């Protein structure tokens, strides 16, 4: 099993959160904006606690939120 690179994961969380917030503002979806913030906070807690499983799950959830917002934008 490879060693988890927490810094890389957290940097990716920050980048996806930034994009998700931007999409949320563009669409005017305040709930998605708040959800992205909550995911980022959860990821921060997972990072501090060195909980790789939660950090990866949060990143996946953020990516799914971003994907859903992109679909809303194109519809």
Protein backbone atom coordinates (compact mmCIF):
# COMPACT_ATOMS: atom_id res chain seq x y z
CA UNK A 1 0.00 0.00 0.00
CA UNK A 2 1.41 3.37 -0.97
CA UNK A 3 1.84 6.18 1.49
CA UNK A 4 -0.90 8.78 1.26
CA UNK A 5 0.24 12.20 0.15
CA UNK A 6 -2.01 14.34 2.31
CA UNK A 7 -0.67 17.61 0.91
CA UNK A 8 -1.47 16.61 -2.66
CA UNK A 9 -4.96 15.49 -1.70
CA UNK A 10 -5.65 18.67 0.24
CA UNK A 11 -4.35 20.84 -2.59
CA UNK A 12 -6.71 19.06 -4.95
CA UNK A 13 -9.60 19.62 -2.53
CA UNK A 14 -8.79 23.33 -2.44
CA UNK A 15 -8.65 23.55 -6.24
CA UNK A 16 -11.91 21.64 -6.79
CA UNK A 17 -13.61 23.72 -4.08
CA UNK A 18 -12.48 26.92 -5.80
CA UNK A 19 -13.93 25.76 -9.12
CA UNK A 20 -17.13 24.53 -7.47
CA UNK A 21 -17.69 27.83 -5.68
CA UNK A 22 -17.19 29.70 -8.95
CA UNK A 23 -19.70 27.47 -10.72
CA UNK A 24 -22.16 27.86 -7.83
CA UNK A 25 -21.97 31.64 -8.04
CA UNK A 26 -22.34 31.57 -11.82
CA UNK A 27 -25.48 29.44 -11.59
CA UNK A 28 -26.77 31.23 -8.50
CA UNK A 29 -26.94 28.05 -6.45
CA UNK A 30 -26.32 29.15 -2.86
CA UNK A 31 -26.93 25.66 -1.46
CA UNK A 32 -24.15 24.19 -3.62
CA UNK A 33 -21.83 27.03 -2.57
CA UNK A 34 -22.44 26.25 1.10
CA UNK A 35 -22.05 22.52 0.47
CA UNK A 36 -18.67 23.10 -1.15
CA UNK A 37 -17.58 25.08 1.91
CA UNK A 38 -18.74 22.28 4.21
CA UNK A 39 -16.86 19.71 2.15
CA UNK A 40 -13.73 21.85 2.35
CA UNK A 41 -14.06 22.13 6.14
CA UNK A 42 -14.55 18.37 6.41
CA UNK A 43 -11.47 17.81 4.27
CA UNK A 44 -9.50 20.18 6.49
CA UNK A 45 -10.48 18.17 9.55
CA UNK A 46 -9.55 14.92 7.79
CA UNK A 47 -6.21 16.44 6.77
CA UNK A 48 -5.40 17.54 10.33
CA UNK A 49 -6.41 14.13 11.70
CA UNK A 50 -4.53 12.27 8.94
CA UNK A 51 -7.71 10.46 7.94
CA UNK A 52 -6.96 9.48 4.34
CA UNK A 53 -10.26 7.66 3.84
CA UNK A 54 -12.36 10.69 4.79
CA UNK A 55 -10.12 13.05 2.82
CA UNK A 56 -10.47 10.94 -0.32
CA UNK A 57 -14.24 10.54 0.17
CA UNK A 58 -14.65 14.29 0.57
CA UNK A 59 -12.61 14.93 -2.57
CA UNK A 60 -14.81 12.49 -4.48
CA UNK A 61 -17.97 14.21 -3.19
CA UNK A 62 -16.61 17.60 -4.23
CA UNK A 63 -15.85 16.29 -7.71
CA UNK A 64 -19.39 14.93 -8.00
CA UNK A 65 -20.82 18.29 -6.92
CA UNK A 66 -18.65 20.05 -9.47
CA UNK A 67 -19.80 17.65 -12.18
CA UNK A 68 -23.47 18.21 -11.29
CA UNK A 69 -23.01 21.99 -11.40
CA UNK A 70 -21.28 21.76 -14.79
CA UNK A 71 -24.26 19.78 -16.08
CA UNK A 72 -26.65 22.43 -14.73
CA UNK A 73 -24.63 25.11 -16.47
CA UNK A 74 -24.84 23.37 -19.84
CA UNK A 75 -28.59 22.67 -19.57
